[in-house]
């Protein structure tokens, strides 16, 4: 096999707690990731030369070596000592700078696909170590479903999936946000670490998610970015009002924004009429949660031997 066509999915965060700034300049997090069935498409074709080339279609995204898929390919090529090259064709549907992890998902799909096409034979554990070098949430996309993220988000522990898919209404306001700038808006304090405190935060995060999983009661969900973002950006407050007007019981920020997700939305009329239009501006995206089992099945059906 010399080529693969793989889906690359989005994510949101059911819970996102920022524990403080670490000595290495990153923030210590406790978060619960959730994969969504909103997807990009990535085609990987092995070449005889050693070059890494990319074409991007759909939404605007970097079409050069700075793209995260190229960075992932270069990293794997160097670590595994590969001589072959690859042509990458990326079709973007997930907005950039939106808190949906589109770029990170692309990088993970690249690692998984090239690990097979180049015959690297790396285990999931080895790929996870490479993923951590590329970005804080890339490792999550190697596993999918629901997962606890610790450290700066790169330490992943799989959690039980929801009992059934949950429908979400996403509102992308038409502009992205810089993650670095968003982090600078909050007074998060300093993370002093400590095993006892770390275990306490982890246990509390898992407990909150477990209560949500059992009841689907939206009050168990929390994102520390929400207060500073809604206070700073009026367009996000307007977007929240638009989702509430659609009948959503709960509106949350996806990751560090700028996309908002509406939960428990009772009005499906906008989806039937025009799935992209939203009164007051912005773009509506309808999707559902994606379980780990379903994710791995989709990858296998795409021709990928998912590493253990």
Protein backbone atom coordinates (compact mmCIF):
# COMPACT_ATOMS: atom_id res chain seq x y z
CA UNK A 1 0.00 0.00 0.00
CA UNK A 2 1.43 3.37 -1.01
CA UNK A 3 -1.43 5.68 -0.04
CA UNK A 4 -4.11 6.20 2.60
CA UNK A 5 -7.13 8.49 2.90
CA UNK A 6 -7.86 9.18 6.55
CA UNK A 7 -10.43 11.27 8.41
CA UNK A 8 -9.15 13.77 10.95
CA UNK A 9 -11.68 14.69 13.62
CA UNK A 10 -12.37 17.66 15.89
CA UNK A 11 -12.64 17.77 19.68
CA UNK A 12 -14.17 19.78 22.46
CA UNK A 13 -13.60 19.83 26.22
CA UNK A 14 -16.28 18.80 28.70
CA UNK A 15 -14.16 20.10 31.57
CA UNK A 16 -11.14 22.41 31.39
CA UNK A 17 -9.44 23.52 34.61
CA UNK A 18 -6.28 25.62 34.67
CA UNK A 19 -4.29 24.90 37.81
CA UNK A 20 -1.54 27.46 37.32
CA UNK A 21 1.59 28.48 35.45
CA UNK A 22 4.46 25.98 35.57
CA UNK A 23 8.19 26.69 35.70
CA UNK A 24 8.56 25.61 32.06
CA UNK A 25 6.17 28.34 30.88
CA UNK A 26 3.24 26.00 30.21
CA UNK A 27 0.04 25.86 32.27
CA UNK A 28 -0.90 22.81 34.31
CA UNK A 29 -4.30 21.51 33.15
CA UNK A 30 -6.95 19.01 34.07
CA UNK A 31 -9.30 18.52 31.17
CA UNK A 32 -11.72 15.98 29.74
CA UNK A 33 -11.43 15.78 25.95
CA UNK A 34 -14.29 14.64 23.75
CA UNK A 35 -13.89 13.68 20.09
CA UNK A 36 -16.51 15.01 17.65
CA UNK A 37 -17.51 13.62 14.26
CA UNK A 38 -16.77 16.93 12.51
CA UNK A 39 -13.84 16.04 10.24
CA UNK A 40 -11.11 17.07 7.85
CA UNK A 41 -9.79 14.65 5.23
CA UNK A 42 -6.12 13.78 4.75
CA UNK A 43 -4.67 11.82 1.82
CA UNK A 44 -1.10 10.54 2.19
CA UNK A 45 0.85 9.25 -0.84
CA UNK A 46 4.35 7.86 -0.44
CA UNK A 47 6.89 9.17 -2.97
CA UNK A 48 10.23 7.81 -4.09
CA UNK A 49 12.05 11.06 -3.39
CA UNK A 50 12.63 12.31 0.15
CA UNK A 51 10.50 15.44 -0.08
CA UNK A 52 7.46 16.30 2.08
CA UNK A 53 4.90 18.26 0.07
CA UNK A 54 1.43 19.49 0.96
CA UNK A 55 -1.68 20.80 -0.80
CA UNK A 56 -4.52 22.36 1.18
CA UNK A 57 -8.14 22.66 0.03
CA UNK A 58 -11.26 24.00 1.70
CA UNK A 59 -10.72 26.49 4.50
CA UNK A 60 -7.64 28.67 4.45
CA UNK A 61 -4.69 27.03 6.22
CA UNK A 62 -0.88 27.11 5.89
CA UNK A 63 0.21 25.29 2.74
CA UNK A 64 3.90 25.04 3.54
CA UNK A 65 6.36 23.49 5.99
CA UNK A 66 4.81 25.37 8.91
CA UNK A 67 1.61 23.31 8.63
CA UNK A 68 1.39 20.87 11.52
CA UNK A 69 0.99 17.88 9.19
CA UNK A 70 4.36 18.70 7.61
CA UNK A 71 5.93 19.11 11.02
CA UNK A 72 4.53 15.73 12.07
CA UNK A 73 5.85 14.07 8.91
CA UNK A 74 9.32 15.60 9.37
CA UNK A 75 9.45 14.53 13.02
CA UNK A 76 8.47 10.93 12.27
CA UNK A 77 10.84 10.80 9.29
CA UNK A 78 13.75 11.96 11.45
CA UNK A 79 12.98 9.78 14.47
CA UNK A 80 12.38 6.62 12.41
CA UNK A 81 15.21 7.19 9.94
CA UNK A 82 12.93 7.08 6.88
CA UNK A 83 14.30 7.92 3.42
CA UNK A 84 10.99 8.04 1.49
CA UNK A 85 8.92 11.18 1.04
CA UNK A 86 5.20 11.91 1.03
CA UNK A 87 2.60 14.03 -0.73
CA UNK A 88 -0.08 15.26 1.67
CA UNK A 89 -3.46 16.52 0.50
CA UNK A 90 -5.47 18.14 3.30
CA UNK A 91 -9.11 19.15 2.91
CA UNK A 92 -10.00 21.50 5.76
CA UNK A 93 -13.54 21.67 7.11
CA UNK A 94 -12.69 22.37 10.76
CA UNK A 95 -12.13 26.10 11.39
CA UNK A 96 -8.68 27.28 12.49
CA UNK A 97 -8.07 28.98 15.85
CA UNK A 98 -11.48 27.74 16.93
CA UNK A 99 -10.69 25.58 19.97
CA UNK A 100 -11.64 22.43 18.04
CA UNK A 101 -8.15 20.95 17.71
CA UNK A 102 -8.26 20.71 13.93
CA UNK A 103 -4.52 21.11 13.45
CA UNK A 104 -3.71 18.69 16.25
CA UNK A 105 -6.05 16.09 14.77
CA UNK A 106 -4.34 16.54 11.39
CA UNK A 107 -0.95 15.93 13.01
CA UNK A 108 -2.17 12.78 14.75
CA UNK A 109 -3.64 11.41 11.51
CA UNK A 110 -0.30 12.08 9.81
CA UNK A 111 1.60 10.15 12.49
CA UNK A 112 -0.81 7.21 12.30
CA UNK A 113 -0.88 7.09 8.51
CA UNK A 114 2.85 7.48 7.88
CA UNK A 115 3.73 5.06 10.66
CA UNK A 116 2.01 2.44 8.50
CA UNK A 117 2.91 3.67 5.00
CA UNK A 118 6.58 4.16 5.83
CA UNK A 119 6.72 0.86 7.71
CA UNK A 120 7.98 2.50 10.91
CA UNK A 121 6.21 -0.01 13.16
CA UNK A 122 6.06 2.34 16.14
CA UNK A 123 3.75 1.46 19.04
CA UNK A 124 0.98 3.74 20.26
CA UNK A 125 3.19 4.64 23.22
CA UNK A 126 6.04 5.70 20.92
CA UNK A 127 3.68 7.73 18.71
CA UNK A 128 2.28 9.39 21.83
CA UNK A 129 5.77 10.56 22.78
CA UNK A 130 6.19 12.11 19.32
CA UNK A 131 2.75 13.70 19.54
CA UNK A 132 3.74 15.49 22.75
CA UNK A 133 6.55 17.21 20.85
CA UNK A 134 4.07 18.60 18.32
CA UNK A 135 1.38 20.02 20.60
CA UNK A 136 -0.38 19.62 23.90
CA UNK A 137 -3.51 17.86 22.60
CA UNK A 138 -2.09 15.90 19.63
CA UNK A 139 -1.75 12.76 21.77
CA UNK A 140 -5.49 12.74 22.47
CA UNK A 141 -6.29 12.28 18.77
CA UNK A 142 -4.28 9.06 18.67
CA UNK A 143 -6.87 7.53 21.03
CA UNK A 144 -10.13 9.45 20.57
CA UNK A 145 -13.39 9.04 22.45
CA UNK A 146 -13.34 10.56 25.93
CA UNK A 147 -10.06 11.03 27.75
CA UNK A 148 -8.53 12.79 30.71
CA UNK A 149 -5.72 15.21 29.83
CA UNK A 150 -3.15 16.13 32.47
CA UNK A 151 0.12 18.06 32.52
CA UNK A 152 -0.17 20.60 29.71
CA UNK A 153 -2.78 18.26 28.17
CA UNK A 154 -0.38 15.74 26.64
CA UNK A 155 -0.73 13.08 29.38
CA UNK A 156 -3.73 11.06 28.22
CA UNK A 157 -5.83 8.52 30.12
CA UNK A 158 -8.82 7.02 28.30
CA UNK A 159 -12.16 7.38 30.10
CA UNK A 160 -15.41 5.46 29.55
CA UNK A 161 -17.36 6.81 26.59
CA UNK A 162 -20.80 8.33 26.94
CA UNK A 163 -23.64 5.84 26.86
CA UNK A 164 -24.97 7.30 23.61
CA UNK A 165 -23.93 9.98 21.10
CA UNK A 166 -24.73 13.55 22.14
CA UNK A 167 -25.76 16.06 19.48
CA UNK A 168 -24.03 19.45 19.56
CA UNK A 169 -24.60 22.74 17.77
CA UNK A 170 -21.34 24.58 17.20
CA UNK A 171 -21.22 28.28 16.40
CA UNK A 172 -17.98 29.47 14.82
CA UNK A 173 -18.09 33.29 14.91
CA UNK A 174 -15.97 33.69 11.78
CA UNK A 175 -12.71 34.56 13.50
CA UNK A 176 -10.15 32.57 15.43
CA UNK A 177 -8.38 33.33 18.69
CA UNK A 178 -4.73 32.98 19.61
CA UNK A 179 -4.36 30.35 22.34
CA UNK A 180 -1.32 32.18 23.73
CA UNK A 181 -3.27 35.43 23.99
CA UNK A 182 -6.24 33.72 25.62
CA UNK A 183 -4.00 32.20 28.28
CA UNK A 184 -2.55 35.65 29.01
CA UNK A 185 -6.02 37.02 29.85
CA UNK A 186 -6.53 35.05 33.06
CA UNK A 187 -4.91 35.28 36.46
CA UNK A 188 -4.21 31.58 36.89
CA UNK A 189 -1.60 31.77 39.64
CA UNK A 190 1.45 29.55 39.92
CA UNK A 191 1.39 25.77 39.81
CA UNK A 192 3.44 24.41 42.70
CA UNK A 193 2.87 20.76 41.88
CA UNK A 194 2.96 18.03 44.47
CA UNK A 195 1.69 14.46 44.19
CA UNK A 196 -1.10 14.85 46.73
CA UNK A 197 -2.52 17.97 45.10
CA UNK A 198 -2.17 16.45 41.63
CA UNK A 199 -4.09 13.33 42.64
CA UNK A 200 -6.79 15.45 44.26
CA UNK A 201 -7.37 17.52 41.12
CA UNK A 202 -7.36 14.42 38.92
CA UNK A 203 -9.83 12.58 41.15
CA UNK A 204 -12.16 15.59 41.26
CA UNK A 205 -12.07 16.03 37.46
CA UNK A 206 -12.89 12.37 36.85
CA UNK A 207 -15.66 12.52 39.46
CA UNK A 208 -17.29 15.52 37.76
CA UNK A 209 -17.13 13.81 34.37
CA UNK A 210 -18.56 10.58 35.80
CA UNK A 211 -21.53 12.48 37.22
CA UNK A 212 -22.07 14.13 33.83
CA UNK A 213 -21.76 10.81 32.00
CA UNK A 214 -24.41 9.24 34.22
CA UNK A 215 -26.92 12.09 34.06
CA UNK A 216 -25.96 14.31 31.07
CA UNK A 217 -26.64 17.18 33.46
CA UNK A 218 -24.89 20.19 31.93
CA UNK A 219 -24.13 21.86 35.30
CA UNK A 220 -21.34 19.31 35.85
CA UNK A 221 -19.39 20.83 32.94
CA UNK A 222 -16.93 23.68 33.36
CA UNK A 223 -14.37 25.66 31.35
CA UNK A 224 -12.12 28.19 33.09
CA UNK A 225 -11.70 30.20 29.88
CA UNK A 226 -15.36 31.16 29.72
CA UNK A 227 -15.38 34.12 32.14
CA UNK A 228 -12.40 36.00 30.66
CA UNK A 229 -13.48 35.29 27.09
CA UNK A 230 -17.07 36.46 27.49
CA UNK A 231 -15.90 39.53 29.40
CA UNK A 232 -13.31 40.45 26.77
CA UNK A 233 -15.05 39.68 23.48
CA UNK A 234 -18.49 41.06 22.80
CA UNK A 235 -18.89 38.96 19.66
CA UNK A 236 -18.71 35.80 21.80
CA UNK A 237 -21.46 37.10 24.07
CA UNK A 238 -23.59 37.75 20.99
CA UNK A 239 -22.84 34.25 19.73
CA UNK A 240 -23.92 32.82 23.07
CA UNK A 241 -27.21 34.70 22.87
CA UNK A 242 -27.76 33.32 19.35
CA UNK A 243 -27.37 29.72 20.57
CA UNK A 244 -29.67 30.36 23.52
CA UNK A 245 -32.22 31.74 21.05
CA UNK A 246 -32.04 28.39 19.23
CA UNK A 247 -33.16 26.70 22.42
CA UNK A 248 -29.81 25.41 23.71
CA UNK A 249 -29.96 24.60 27.41
CA UNK A 250 -26.22 25.16 27.94
CA UNK A 251 -23.64 27.11 25.95
CA UNK A 252 -19.92 26.55 26.48
CA UNK A 253 -16.63 27.58 24.95
CA UNK A 254 -14.83 24.85 22.98
CA UNK A 255 -11.33 24.66 24.42
CA UNK A 256 -9.83 28.15 24.40
CA UNK A 257 -12.33 29.42 21.80
CA UNK A 258 -13.46 30.93 19.57
CA UNK A 259 -16.14 28.32 18.82
CA UNK A 260 -19.10 27.92 21.17
CA UNK A 261 -21.04 24.70 21.60
CA UNK A 262 -24.71 24.50 22.38
CA UNK A 263 -26.00 21.51 24.33
CA UNK A 264 -29.55 20.26 24.63
CA UNK A 265 -30.71 22.35 21.67
CA UNK A 266 -34.44 21.81 21.15
CA UNK A 267 -34.84 23.68 17.84
CA UNK A 268 -33.59 21.77 14.78
CA UNK A 269 -35.24 24.17 12.30
CA UNK A 270 -31.94 25.92 11.36
CA UNK A 271 -30.41 22.58 10.39
CA UNK A 272 -33.27 21.76 8.05
CA UNK A 273 -33.33 25.20 6.45
CA UNK A 274 -29.68 26.21 6.20
CA UNK A 275 -26.96 24.39 8.16
CA UNK A 276 -24.47 27.24 7.78
CA UNK A 277 -26.49 30.39 8.50
CA UNK A 278 -26.90 31.95 11.92
CA UNK A 279 -28.86 35.07 12.66
CA UNK A 280 -26.47 37.76 13.80
CA UNK A 281 -23.48 36.26 11.96
CA UNK A 282 -21.31 33.24 12.37
CA UNK A 283 -21.44 29.71 11.05
CA UNK A 284 -23.43 26.85 12.52
CA UNK A 285 -21.87 23.39 12.47
CA UNK A 286 -23.94 20.40 13.55
CA UNK A 287 -22.13 17.36 14.88
CA UNK A 288 -22.23 14.56 17.46
CA UNK A 289 -19.83 13.01 19.93
CA UNK A 290 -17.67 10.18 18.60
CA UNK A 291 -16.85 7.20 20.80
CA UNK A 292 -13.41 5.60 20.93
CA UNK A 293 -14.79 2.32 19.58
CA UNK A 294 -16.45 4.06 16.63
CA UNK A 295 -13.30 6.11 15.96
CA UNK A 296 -11.09 3.03 15.77
CA UNK A 297 -13.65 1.29 13.53
CA UNK A 298 -13.63 4.24 11.12
CA UNK A 299 -9.82 4.18 11.00
CA UNK A 300 -9.78 0.44 10.31
CA UNK A 301 -12.36 0.87 7.55
CA UNK A 302 -10.04 3.50 6.04
CA UNK A 303 -7.30 0.86 5.79
CA UNK A 304 -5.32 1.79 8.90
CA UNK A 305 -3.96 -0.89 11.21
CA UNK A 306 -4.44 0.97 14.50
CA UNK A 307 -1.32 0.39 16.65
CA UNK A 308 -1.71 -1.08 20.12
